[in-house]
Amino acid sequence: MWAALIEIGKLMSLRWQGLVEIGAVAGVAGLAWCRMQWNQAERQREQRVRGELEAYAQLDARLPQDGDVGKLARRVCQLVTESSAFKRVGMLVRDAEGMDVRVFPH
């Protein structure tokens, strides 16, 4: 009788060991999948940021010939809404004394 119980115990320990090994492999696979997803999201974020910075670098930030600051403000606001996650942008323009002049929403 004791021999049979010992054999049952050995078989159960082998089964539990197999289950633990399967669980460990599944855990490693899950971690690898999470890391792959994180790396892909990080690459996409870097591409968005790079594209946004390239768009800002190409902006012509000179004042128009007529000196209208509003036209430049509208161009900047339009560029920000087109190339960033912001859907609405406004710009506050101040004169040399620091007084608020106008707000240009886009």
PDB file of N, CA and C in Angstrom:
ATOM      1  N   MET A   1       0.824  -1.186   0.000  1.00  0.00           N
ATOM      2  CA  MET A   1       0.000   0.000   0.000  1.00  0.00           C
ATOM      3  C   MET A   1       0.872   1.255   0.000  1.00  0.00           C
ATOM      4  N   TRP A   2       1.926   1.223   0.856  1.00  0.00           N
ATOM      5  CA  TRP A   2       2.788   2.395   0.902  1.00  0.00           C
ATOM      6  C   TRP A   2       3.517   2.590  -0.423  1.00  0.00           C
ATOM      7  N   ALA A   3       3.862   1.520  -1.078  1.00  0.00           N
ATOM      8  CA  ALA A   3       4.549   1.617  -2.373  1.00  0.00           C
ATOM      9  C   ALA A   3       3.642   2.294  -3.393  1.00  0.00           C
ATOM     10  N   ALA A   4       2.375   1.968  -3.375  1.00  0.00           N
ATOM     11  CA  ALA A   4       1.427   2.575  -4.313  1.00  0.00           C
ATOM     12  C   ALA A   4       1.273   4.067  -4.041  1.00  0.00           C
ATOM     13  N   LEU A   5       1.212   4.462  -2.781  1.00  0.00           N
ATOM     14  CA  LEU A   5       1.106   5.875  -2.435  1.00  0.00           C
ATOM     15  C   LEU A   5       2.371   6.637  -2.829  1.00  0.00           C
ATOM     16  N   ILE A   6       3.514   6.013  -2.672  1.00  0.00           N
ATOM     17  CA  ILE A   6       4.770   6.665  -3.058  1.00  0.00           C
ATOM     18  C   ILE A   6       4.798   6.872  -4.574  1.00  0.00           C
ATOM     19  N   GLU A   7       4.365   5.881  -5.342  1.00  0.00           N
ATOM     20  CA  GLU A   7       4.328   5.994  -6.793  1.00  0.00           C
ATOM     21  C   GLU A   7       3.343   7.083  -7.237  1.00  0.00           C
ATOM     22  N   ILE A   8       2.209   7.146  -6.580  1.00  0.00           N
ATOM     23  CA  ILE A   8       1.226   8.195  -6.887  1.00  0.00           C
ATOM     24  C   ILE A   8       1.821   9.566  -6.598  1.00  0.00           C
ATOM     25  N   GLY A   9       2.529   9.668  -5.485  1.00  0.00           N
ATOM     26  CA  GLY A   9       3.177  10.931  -5.131  1.00  0.00           C
ATOM     27  C   GLY A   9       4.206  11.353  -6.166  1.00  0.00           C
ATOM     28  N   LYS A  10       4.986  10.400  -6.668  1.00  0.00           N
ATOM     29  CA  LYS A  10       5.986  10.708  -7.700  1.00  0.00           C
ATOM     30  C   LYS A  10       5.312  11.192  -8.981  1.00  0.00           C
ATOM     31  N   LEU A  11       4.251  10.503  -9.374  1.00  0.00           N
ATOM     32  CA  LEU A  11       3.547  10.900 -10.592  1.00  0.00           C
ATOM     33  C   LEU A  11       2.914  12.289 -10.448  1.00  0.00           C
ATOM     34  N   MET A  12       2.370  12.579  -9.280  1.00  0.00           N
ATOM     35  CA  MET A  12       1.770  13.901  -9.052  1.00  0.00           C
ATOM     36  C   MET A  12       2.827  14.986  -9.077  1.00  0.00           C
ATOM     37  N   SER A  13       3.999  14.700  -8.501  1.00  0.00           N
ATOM     38  CA  SER A  13       5.048  15.717  -8.501  1.00  0.00           C
ATOM     39  C   SER A  13       5.532  15.980  -9.922  1.00  0.00           C
ATOM     40  N   LEU A  14       5.592  14.950 -10.759  1.00  0.00           N
ATOM     41  CA  LEU A  14       5.964  15.158 -12.155  1.00  0.00           C
ATOM     42  C   LEU A  14       4.915  15.991 -12.887  1.00  0.00           C
ATOM     43  N   ARG A  15       3.652  15.727 -12.603  1.00  0.00           N
ATOM     44  CA  ARG A  15       2.583  16.493 -13.246  1.00  0.00           C
ATOM     45  C   ARG A  15       2.648  17.967 -12.822  1.00  0.00           C
ATOM     46  N   TRP A  16       2.838  18.219 -11.515  1.00  0.00           N
ATOM     47  CA  TRP A  16       2.935  19.596 -11.033  1.00  0.00           C
ATOM     48  C   TRP A  16       4.155  20.288 -11.614  1.00  0.00           C
ATOM     49  N   GLN A  17       5.260  19.564 -11.724  1.00  0.00           N
ATOM     50  CA  GLN A  17       6.470  20.147 -12.296  1.00  0.00           C
ATOM     51  C   GLN A  17       6.214  20.548 -13.755  1.00  0.00           C
ATOM     52  N   GLY A  18       5.516  19.691 -14.493  1.00  0.00           N
ATOM     53  CA  GLY A  18       5.176  20.017 -15.881  1.00  0.00           C
ATOM     54  C   GLY A  18       4.280  21.235 -15.974  1.00  0.00           C
ATOM     55  N   LEU A  19       3.312  21.338 -15.082  1.00  0.00           N
ATOM     56  CA  LEU A  19       2.422  22.502 -15.088  1.00  0.00           C
ATOM     57  C   LEU A  19       3.182  23.784 -14.763  1.00  0.00           C
ATOM     58  N   VAL A  20       4.108  23.700 -13.830  1.00  0.00           N
ATOM     59  CA  VAL A  20       4.910  24.874 -13.472  1.00  0.00           C
ATOM     60  C   VAL A  20       5.772  25.291 -14.657  1.00  0.00           C
ATOM     61  N   GLU A  21       6.359  24.321 -15.355  1.00  0.00           N
ATOM     62  CA  GLU A  21       7.182  24.640 -16.520  1.00  0.00           C
ATOM     63  C   GLU A  21       6.349  25.277 -17.631  1.00  0.00           C
ATOM     64  N   ILE A  22       5.168  24.754 -17.862  1.00  0.00           N
ATOM     65  CA  ILE A  22       4.277  25.341 -18.874  1.00  0.00           C
ATOM     66  C   ILE A  22       3.887  26.759 -18.479  1.00  0.00           C
ATOM     67  N   GLY A  23       3.603  26.961 -17.214  1.00  0.00           N
ATOM     68  CA  GLY A  23       3.272  28.306 -16.738  1.00  0.00           C
ATOM     69  C   GLY A  23       4.434  29.270 -16.912  1.00  0.00           C
ATOM     70  N   ALA A  24       5.653  28.792 -16.662  1.00  0.00           N
ATOM     71  CA  ALA A  24       6.827  29.652 -16.821  1.00  0.00           C
ATOM     72  C   ALA A  24       7.015  30.027 -18.287  1.00  0.00           C
ATOM     73  N   VAL A  25       6.857  29.067 -19.185  1.00  0.00           N
ATOM     74  CA  VAL A  25       6.997  29.354 -20.615  1.00  0.00           C
ATOM     75  C   VAL A  25       5.917  30.332 -21.062  1.00  0.00           C
ATOM     76  N   ALA A  26       4.697  30.151 -20.603  1.00  0.00           N
ATOM     77  CA  ALA A  26       3.613  31.071 -20.958  1.00  0.00           C
ATOM     78  C   ALA A  26       3.893  32.474 -20.421  1.00  0.00           C
ATOM     79  N   GLY A  27       4.445  32.548 -19.215  1.00  0.00           N
ATOM     80  CA  GLY A  27       4.783  33.856 -18.652  1.00  0.00           C
ATOM     81  C   GLY A  27       5.855  34.565 -19.458  1.00  0.00           C
ATOM     82  N   VAL A  28       6.879  33.837 -19.870  1.00  0.00           N
ATOM     83  CA  VAL A  28       7.943  34.430 -20.679  1.00  0.00           C
ATOM     84  C   VAL A  28       7.395  34.883 -22.029  1.00  0.00           C
ATOM     85  N   ALA A  29       6.531  34.061 -22.627  1.00  0.00           N
ATOM     86  CA  ALA A  29       5.926  34.444 -23.907  1.00  0.00           C
ATOM     87  C   ALA A  29       5.056  35.691 -23.744  1.00  0.00           C
ATOM     88  N   GLY A  30       4.324  35.770 -22.656  1.00  0.00           N
ATOM     89  CA  GLY A  30       3.501  36.948 -22.403  1.00  0.00           C
ATOM     90  C   GLY A  30       4.337  38.200 -22.219  1.00  0.00           C
ATOM     91  N   LEU A  31       5.433  38.086 -21.504  1.00  0.00           N
ATOM     92  CA  LEU A  31       6.318  39.238 -21.326  1.00  0.00           C
ATOM     93  C   LEU A  31       6.943  39.676 -22.645  1.00  0.00           C
ATOM     94  N   ALA A  32       7.331  38.704 -23.476  1.00  0.00           N
ATOM     95  CA  ALA A  32       7.902  39.046 -24.777  1.00  0.00           C
ATOM     96  C   ALA A  32       6.873  39.764 -25.644  1.00  0.00           C
ATOM     97  N   TRP A  33       5.615  39.311 -25.610  1.00  0.00           N
ATOM     98  CA  TRP A  33       4.574  39.965 -26.387  1.00  0.00           C
ATOM     99  C   TRP A  33       4.343  41.393 -25.902  1.00  0.00           C
ATOM    100  N   CYS A  34       4.313  41.576 -24.582  1.00  0.00           N
ATOM    101  CA  CYS A  34       4.123  42.929 -24.026  1.00  0.00           C
ATOM    102  C   CYS A  34       5.266  43.849 -24.428  1.00  0.00           C
ATOM    103  N   ARG A  35       6.466  43.321 -24.383  1.00  0.00           N
ATOM    104  CA  ARG A  35       7.628  44.138 -24.754  1.00  0.00           C
ATOM    105  C   ARG A  35       7.565  44.506 -26.236  1.00  0.00           C
ATOM    106  N   MET A  36       7.147  43.579 -27.084  1.00  0.00           N
ATOM    107  CA  MET A  36       7.015  43.860 -28.508  1.00  0.00           C
ATOM    108  C   MET A  36       5.976  44.954 -28.745  1.00  0.00           C
ATOM    109  N   GLN A  37       4.848  44.885 -28.055  1.00  0.00           N
ATOM    110  CA  GLN A  37       3.810  45.905 -28.191  1.00  0.00           C
ATOM    111  C   GLN A  37       4.306  47.269 -27.719  1.00  0.00           C
ATOM    112  N   TRP A  38       5.046  47.271 -26.617  1.00  0.00           N
ATOM    113  CA  TRP A  38       5.579  48.529 -26.091  1.00  0.00           C
ATOM    114  C   TRP A  38       6.576  49.130 -27.069  1.00  0.00           C
ATOM    115  N   ASN A  39       7.461  48.298 -27.645  1.00  0.00           N
ATOM    116  CA  ASN A  39       8.441  48.802 -28.610  1.00  0.00           C
ATOM    117  C   ASN A  39       7.757  49.366 -29.850  1.00  0.00           C
ATOM    118  N   GLN A  40       6.702  48.713 -30.317  1.00  0.00           N
ATOM    119  CA  GLN A  40       5.978  49.206 -31.484  1.00  0.00           C
ATOM    120  C   GLN A  40       5.311  50.550 -31.178  1.00  0.00           C
ATOM    121  N   ALA A  41       4.706  50.681 -30.026  1.00  0.00           N
ATOM    122  CA  ALA A  41       4.076  51.952 -29.641  1.00  0.00           C
ATOM    123  C   ALA A  41       5.122  53.053 -29.510  1.00  0.00           C
ATOM    124  N   GLU A  42       6.283  52.710 -28.984  1.00  0.00           N
ATOM    125  CA  GLU A  42       7.355  53.701 -28.834  1.00  0.00           C
ATOM    126  C   GLU A  42       7.859  54.158 -30.204  1.00  0.00           C
ATOM    127  N   ARG A  43       8.001  53.245 -31.157  1.00  0.00           N
ATOM    128  CA  ARG A  43       8.422  53.621 -32.513  1.00  0.00           C
ATOM    129  C   ARG A  43       7.395  54.530 -33.173  1.00  0.00           C
ATOM    130  N   GLN A  44       6.116  54.227 -33.004  1.00  0.00           N
ATOM    131  CA  GLN A  44       5.071  55.069 -33.584  1.00  0.00           C
ATOM    132  C   GLN A  44       5.081  56.466 -32.971  1.00  0.00           C
ATOM    133  N   ARG A  45       5.288  56.533 -31.656  1.00  0.00           N
ATOM    134  CA  ARG A  45       5.348  57.841 -30.992  1.00  0.00           C
ATOM    135  C   ARG A  45       6.537  58.647 -31.501  1.00  0.00           C
ATOM    136  N   GLU A  46       7.688  58.001 -31.655  1.00  0.00           N
ATOM    137  CA  GLU A  46       8.868  58.700 -32.160  1.00  0.00           C
ATOM    138  C   GLU A  46       8.649  59.204 -33.586  1.00  0.00           C
ATOM    139  N   GLN A  47       7.972  58.415 -34.419  1.00  0.00           N
ATOM    140  CA  GLN A  47       7.683  58.854 -35.785  1.00  0.00           C
ATOM    141  C   GLN A  47       6.753  60.056 -35.794  1.00  0.00           C
ATOM    142  N   ARG A  48       5.737  60.052 -34.919  1.00  0.00           N
ATOM    143  CA  ARG A  48       4.835  61.207 -34.838  1.00  0.00           C
ATOM    144  C   ARG A  48       5.581  62.461 -34.394  1.00  0.00           C
ATOM    145  N   VAL A  49       6.423  62.321 -33.384  1.00  0.00           N
ATOM    146  CA  VAL A  49       7.176  63.477 -32.885  1.00  0.00           C
ATOM    147  C   VAL A  49       8.135  63.981 -33.953  1.00  0.00           C
ATOM    148  N   ARG A  50       8.818  63.065 -34.640  1.00  0.00           N
ATOM    149  CA  ARG A  50       9.751  63.467 -35.693  1.00  0.00           C
ATOM    150  C   ARG A  50       9.014  64.200 -36.809  1.00  0.00           C
ATOM    151  N   GLY A  51       7.861  63.685 -37.216  1.00  0.00           N
ATOM    152  CA  GLY A  51       7.072  64.346 -38.253  1.00  0.00           C
ATOM    153  C   GLY A  51       6.611  65.729 -37.829  1.00  0.00           C
ATOM    154  N   GLU A  52       6.207  65.847 -36.573  1.00  0.00           N
ATOM    155  CA  GLU A  52       5.771  67.150 -36.065  1.00  0.00           C
ATOM    156  C   GLU A  52       6.929  68.141 -36.046  1.00  0.00           C
ATOM    157  N   LEU A  53       8.087  67.714 -35.593  1.00  0.00           N
ATOM    158  CA  LEU A  53       9.245  68.609 -35.559  1.00  0.00           C
ATOM    159  C   LEU A  53       9.696  69.003 -36.959  1.00  0.00           C
ATOM    160  N   GLU A  54       9.623  68.079 -37.914  1.00  0.00           N
ATOM    161  CA  GLU A  54       9.979  68.413 -39.296  1.00  0.00           C
ATOM    162  C   GLU A  54       9.013  69.449 -39.861  1.00  0.00           C
ATOM    163  N   ALA A  55       7.735  69.327 -39.539  1.00  0.00           N
ATOM    164  CA  ALA A  55       6.750  70.302 -40.009  1.00  0.00           C
ATOM    165  C   ALA A  55       7.031  71.678 -39.409  1.00  0.00           C
ATOM    166  N   TYR A  56       7.392  71.715 -38.131  1.00  0.00           N
ATOM    167  CA  TYR A  56       7.703  72.999 -37.500  1.00  0.00           C
ATOM    168  C   TYR A  56       8.969  73.607 -38.101  1.00  0.00           C
ATOM    169  N   ALA A  57       9.937  72.775 -38.444  1.00  0.00           N
ATOM    170  CA  ALA A  57      11.184  73.280 -39.020  1.00  0.00           C
ATOM    171  C   ALA A  57      10.954  73.883 -40.404  1.00  0.00           C
ATOM    172  N   GLN A  58       9.959  73.399 -41.140  1.00  0.00           N
ATOM    173  CA  GLN A  58       9.694  73.906 -42.480  1.00  0.00           C
ATOM    174  C   GLN A  58       8.816  75.159 -42.487  1.00  0.00           C
ATOM    175  N   LEU A  59       8.315  75.554 -41.337  1.00  0.00           N
ATOM    176  CA  LEU A  59       7.440  76.723 -41.265  1.00  0.00           C
ATOM    177  C   LEU A  59       8.222  77.993 -41.563  1.00  0.00           C
ATOM    178  N   ASP A  60       7.668  78.807 -42.428  1.00  0.00           N
ATOM    179  CA  ASP A  60       8.247  80.121 -42.718  1.00  0.00           C
ATOM    180  C   ASP A  60       7.710  81.088 -41.667  1.00  0.00           C
ATOM    181  N   ALA A  61       8.555  81.446 -40.693  1.00  0.00           N
ATOM    182  CA  ALA A  61       8.106  82.258 -39.556  1.00  0.00           C
ATOM    183  C   ALA A  61       8.374  83.744 -39.758  1.00  0.00           C
ATOM    184  N   ARG A  62       8.595  84.147 -40.991  1.00  0.00           N
ATOM    185  CA  ARG A  62       8.806  85.583 -41.250  1.00  0.00           C
ATOM    186  C   ARG A  62       7.468  86.297 -41.327  1.00  0.00           C
ATOM    187  N   LEU A  63       7.477  87.549 -40.911  1.00  0.00           N
ATOM    188  CA  LEU A  63       6.263  88.373 -41.015  1.00  0.00           C
ATOM    189  C   LEU A  63       5.959  88.644 -42.483  1.00  0.00           C
ATOM    190  N   PRO A  64       4.681  88.697 -42.824  1.00  0.00           N
ATOM    191  CA  PRO A  64       4.330  89.066 -44.209  1.00  0.00           C
ATOM    192  C   PRO A  64       4.790  90.484 -44.523  1.00  0.00           C
ATOM    193  N   GLN A  65       4.824  90.826 -45.817  1.00  0.00           N
ATOM    194  CA  GLN A  65       5.295  92.138 -46.254  1.00  0.00           C
ATOM    195  C   GLN A  65       4.481  93.272 -45.640  1.00  0.00           C
ATOM    196  N   ASP A  66       3.181  93.035 -45.450  1.00  0.00           N
ATOM    197  CA  ASP A  66       2.340  94.097 -44.900  1.00  0.00           C
ATOM    198  C   ASP A  66       2.468  94.201 -43.373  1.00  0.00           C
ATOM    199  N   GLY A  67       3.222  93.301 -42.754  1.00  0.00           N
ATOM    200  CA  GLY A  67       3.449  93.363 -41.309  1.00  0.00           C
ATOM    201  C   GLY A  67       2.283  92.869 -40.471  1.00  0.00           C
ATOM    202  N   ASP A  68       1.352  92.168 -41.089  1.00  0.00           N
ATOM    203  CA  ASP A  68       0.183  91.673 -40.369  1.00  0.00           C
ATOM    204  C   ASP A  68       0.573  90.427 -39.552  1.00  0.00           C
ATOM    205  N   VAL A  69       0.583  90.581 -38.249  1.00  0.00           N
ATOM    206  CA  VAL A  69       0.943  89.484 -37.356  1.00  0.00           C
ATOM    207  C   VAL A  69      -0.143  88.409 -37.371  1.00  0.00           C
ATOM    208  N   GLY A  70      -1.345  88.794 -37.660  1.00  0.00           N
ATOM    209  CA  GLY A  70      -2.461  87.852 -37.682  1.00  0.00           C
ATOM    210  C   GLY A  70      -2.274  86.747 -38.712  1.00  0.00           C
ATOM    211  N   LYS A  71      -1.731  87.103 -39.883  1.00  0.00           N
ATOM    212  CA  LYS A  71      -1.500  86.089 -40.914  1.00  0.00           C
ATOM    213  C   LYS A  71      -0.481  85.052 -40.439  1.00  0.00           C
ATOM    214  N   LEU A  72       0.580  85.533 -39.827  1.00  0.00           N
ATOM    215  CA  LEU A  72       1.601  84.614 -39.304  1.00  0.00           C
ATOM    216  C   LEU A  72       1.022  83.757 -38.181  1.00  0.00           C
ATOM    217  N   ALA A  73       0.241  84.366 -37.311  1.00  0.00           N
ATOM    218  CA  ALA A  73      -0.364  83.618 -36.207  1.00  0.00           C
ATOM    219  C   ALA A  73      -1.307  82.541 -36.737  1.00  0.00           C
ATOM    220  N   ARG A  74      -2.078  82.877 -37.756  1.00  0.00           N
ATOM    221  CA  ARG A  74      -2.983  81.879 -38.341  1.00  0.00           C
ATOM    222  C   ARG A  74      -2.203  80.736 -38.986  1.00  0.00           C
ATOM    223  N   ARG A  75      -1.097  81.050 -39.677  1.00  0.00           N
ATOM    224  CA  ARG A  75      -0.271  79.994 -40.283  1.00  0.00           C
ATOM    225  C   ARG A  75       0.296  79.064 -39.218  1.00  0.00           C
ATOM    226  N   VAL A  76       0.786  79.656 -38.130  1.00  0.00           N
ATOM    227  CA  VAL A  76       1.355  78.842 -37.051  1.00  0.00           C
ATOM    228  C   VAL A  76       0.273  77.970 -36.415  1.00  0.00           C
ATOM    229  N   CYS A  77      -0.877  78.550 -36.139  1.00  0.00           N
ATOM    230  CA  CYS A  77      -1.970  77.781 -35.538  1.00  0.00           C
ATOM    231  C   CYS A  77      -2.442  76.662 -36.458  1.00  0.00           C
ATOM    232  N   GLN A  78      -2.528  76.947 -37.753  1.00  0.00           N
ATOM    233  CA  GLN A  78      -2.952  75.928 -38.700  1.00  0.00           C
ATOM    234  C   GLN A  78      -1.937  74.785 -38.747  1.00  0.00           C
ATOM    235  N   LEU A  79      -0.654  75.119 -38.751  1.00  0.00           N
ATOM    236  CA  LEU A  79       0.381  74.083 -38.775  1.00  0.00           C
ATOM    237  C   LEU A  79       0.314  73.207 -37.526  1.00  0.00           C
ATOM    238  N   VAL A  80       0.099  73.823 -36.371  1.00  0.00           N
ATOM    239  CA  VAL A  80       0.026  73.056 -35.127  1.00  0.00           C
ATOM    240  C   VAL A  80      -1.173  72.116 -35.143  1.00  0.00           C
ATOM    241  N   THR A  81      -2.323  72.583 -35.605  1.00  0.00           N
ATOM    242  CA  THR A  81      -3.501  71.708 -35.626  1.00  0.00           C
ATOM    243  C   THR A  81      -3.360  70.582 -36.650  1.00  0.00           C
ATOM    244  N   GLU A  82      -2.643  70.828 -37.735  1.00  0.00           N
ATOM    245  CA  GLU A  82      -2.481  69.799 -38.765  1.00  0.00           C
ATOM    246  C   GLU A  82      -1.426  68.753 -38.379  1.00  0.00           C
ATOM    247  N   SER A  83      -0.400  69.152 -37.644  1.00  0.00           N
ATOM    248  CA  SER A  83       0.717  68.230 -37.423  1.00  0.00           C
ATOM    249  C   SER A  83       0.828  67.719 -35.990  1.00  0.00           C
ATOM    250  N   SER A  84      -0.055  68.121 -35.100  1.00  0.00           N
ATOM    251  CA  SER A  84       0.039  67.651 -33.715  1.00  0.00           C
ATOM    252  C   SER A  84      -1.295  67.048 -33.289  1.00  0.00           C
ATOM    253  N   ALA A  85      -1.336  66.629 -32.050  1.00  0.00           N
ATOM    254  CA  ALA A  85      -2.561  66.029 -31.505  1.00  0.00           C
ATOM    255  C   ALA A  85      -3.583  67.087 -31.094  1.00  0.00           C
ATOM    256  N   PHE A  86      -3.204  68.354 -31.099  1.00  0.00           N
ATOM    257  CA  PHE A  86      -4.111  69.426 -30.701  1.00  0.00           C
ATOM    258  C   PHE A  86      -5.080  69.737 -31.831  1.00  0.00           C
ATOM    259  N   LYS A  87      -6.347  69.740 -31.527  1.00  0.00           N
ATOM    260  CA  LYS A  87      -7.375  70.004 -32.542  1.00  0.00           C
ATOM    261  C   LYS A  87      -7.744  71.479 -32.626  1.00  0.00           C
ATOM    262  N   ARG A  88      -7.538  72.197 -31.532  1.00  0.00           N
ATOM    263  CA  ARG A  88      -7.811  73.636 -31.509  1.00  0.00           C
ATOM    264  C   ARG A  88      -6.616  74.334 -30.890  1.00  0.00           C
ATOM    265  N   VAL A  89      -6.202  75.425 -31.511  1.00  0.00           N
ATOM    266  CA  VAL A  89      -5.036  76.167 -31.050  1.00  0.00           C
ATOM    267  C   VAL A  89      -5.356  77.645 -31.135  1.00  0.00           C
ATOM    268  N   GLY A  90      -4.845  78.412 -30.208  1.00  0.00           N
ATOM    269  CA  GLY A  90      -4.975  79.862 -30.240  1.00  0.00           C
ATOM    270  C   GLY A  90      -3.629  80.501 -29.953  1.00  0.00           C
ATOM    271  N   MET A  91      -3.452  81.716 -30.432  1.00  0.00           N
ATOM    272  CA  MET A  91      -2.189  82.411 -30.204  1.00  0.00           C
ATOM    273  C   MET A  91      -2.480  83.804 -29.663  1.00  0.00           C
ATOM    274  N   LEU A  92      -1.794  84.138 -28.608  1.00  0.00           N
ATOM    275  CA  LEU A  92      -1.921  85.455 -28.000  1.00  0.00           C
ATOM    276  C   LEU A  92      -0.738  86.295 -28.460  1.00  0.00           C
ATOM    277  N   VAL A  93      -1.019  87.465 -29.019  1.00  0.00           N
ATOM    278  CA  VAL A  93       0.033  88.349 -29.515  1.00  0.00           C
ATOM    279  C   VAL A  93       0.117  89.552 -28.586  1.00  0.00           C
ATOM    280  N   ARG A  94       1.350  89.876 -28.180  1.00  0.00           N
ATOM    281  CA  ARG A  94       1.571  91.037 -27.308  1.00  0.00           C
ATOM    282  C   ARG A  94       2.451  92.054 -28.015  1.00  0.00           C
ATOM    283  N   ASP A  95       2.228  93.321 -27.683  1.00  0.00           N
ATOM    284  CA  ASP A  95       3.064  94.362 -28.268  1.00  0.00           C
ATOM    285  C   ASP A  95       4.341  94.532 -27.455  1.00  0.00           C
ATOM    286  N   ALA A  96       5.138  95.530 -27.792  1.00  0.00           N
ATOM    287  CA  ALA A  96       6.440  95.725 -27.145  1.00  0.00           C
ATOM    288  C   ALA A  96       6.315  96.019 -25.657  1.00  0.00           C
ATOM    289  N   GLU A  97       5.221  96.603 -25.216  1.00  0.00           N
ATOM    290  CA  GLU A  97       5.026  96.915 -23.805  1.00  0.00           C
ATOM    291  C   GLU A  97       4.471  95.722 -23.035  1.00  0.00           C
ATOM    292  N   GLY A  98       4.173  94.645 -23.705  1.00  0.00           N
ATOM    293  CA  GLY A  98       3.654  93.460 -23.039  1.00  0.00           C
ATOM    294  C   GLY A  98       2.144  93.447 -22.890  1.00  0.00           C
ATOM    295  N   MET A  99       1.482  94.357 -23.558  1.00  0.00           N
ATOM    296  CA  MET A  99       0.034  94.398 -23.502  1.00  0.00           C
ATOM    297  C   MET A  99      -0.549  93.390 -24.498  1.00  0.00           C
ATOM    298  N   ASP A 100      -1.645  92.714 -24.086  1.00  0.00           N
ATOM    299  CA  ASP A 100      -2.297  91.750 -24.977  1.00  0.00           C
ATOM    300  C   ASP A 100      -2.933  92.504 -26.138  1.00  0.00           C
ATOM    301  N   VAL A 101      -2.621  92.088 -27.320  1.00  0.00           N
ATOM    302  CA  VAL A 101      -3.164  92.753 -28.486  1.00  0.00           C
ATOM    303  C   VAL A 101      -4.375  91.992 -29.032  1.00  0.00           C
ATOM    304  N   ARG A 102      -4.156  90.749 -29.479  1.00  0.00           N
ATOM    305  CA  ARG A 102      -5.243  89.975 -30.065  1.00  0.00           C
ATOM    306  C   ARG A 102      -4.991  88.491 -29.837  1.00  0.00           C
ATOM    307  N   VAL A 103      -6.072  87.752 -29.957  1.00  0.00           N
ATOM    308  CA  VAL A 103      -5.988  86.300 -29.902  1.00  0.00           C
ATOM    309  C   VAL A 103      -6.453  85.784 -31.249  1.00  0.00           C
ATOM    310  N   PHE A 104      -5.670  84.882 -31.825  1.00  0.00           N
ATOM    311  CA  PHE A 104      -5.999  84.323 -33.111  1.00  0.00           C
ATOM    312  C   PHE A 104      -6.305  82.835 -32.956  1.00  0.00           C
ATOM    313  N   PRO A 105      -7.573  82.490 -32.849  1.00  0.00           N
ATOM    314  CA  PRO A 105      -7.902  81.064 -32.734  1.00  0.00           C
ATOM    315  C   PRO A 105      -7.894  80.397 -34.103  1.00  0.00           C
ATOM    316  N   HIS A 106      -7.715  79.099 -34.063  1.00  0.00           N
ATOM    317  CA  HIS A 106      -7.837  78.324 -35.296  1.00  0.00           C
ATOM    318  C   HIS A 106      -8.522  77.024 -34.975  1.00  0.00           C
TER     319      HIS A 106
END
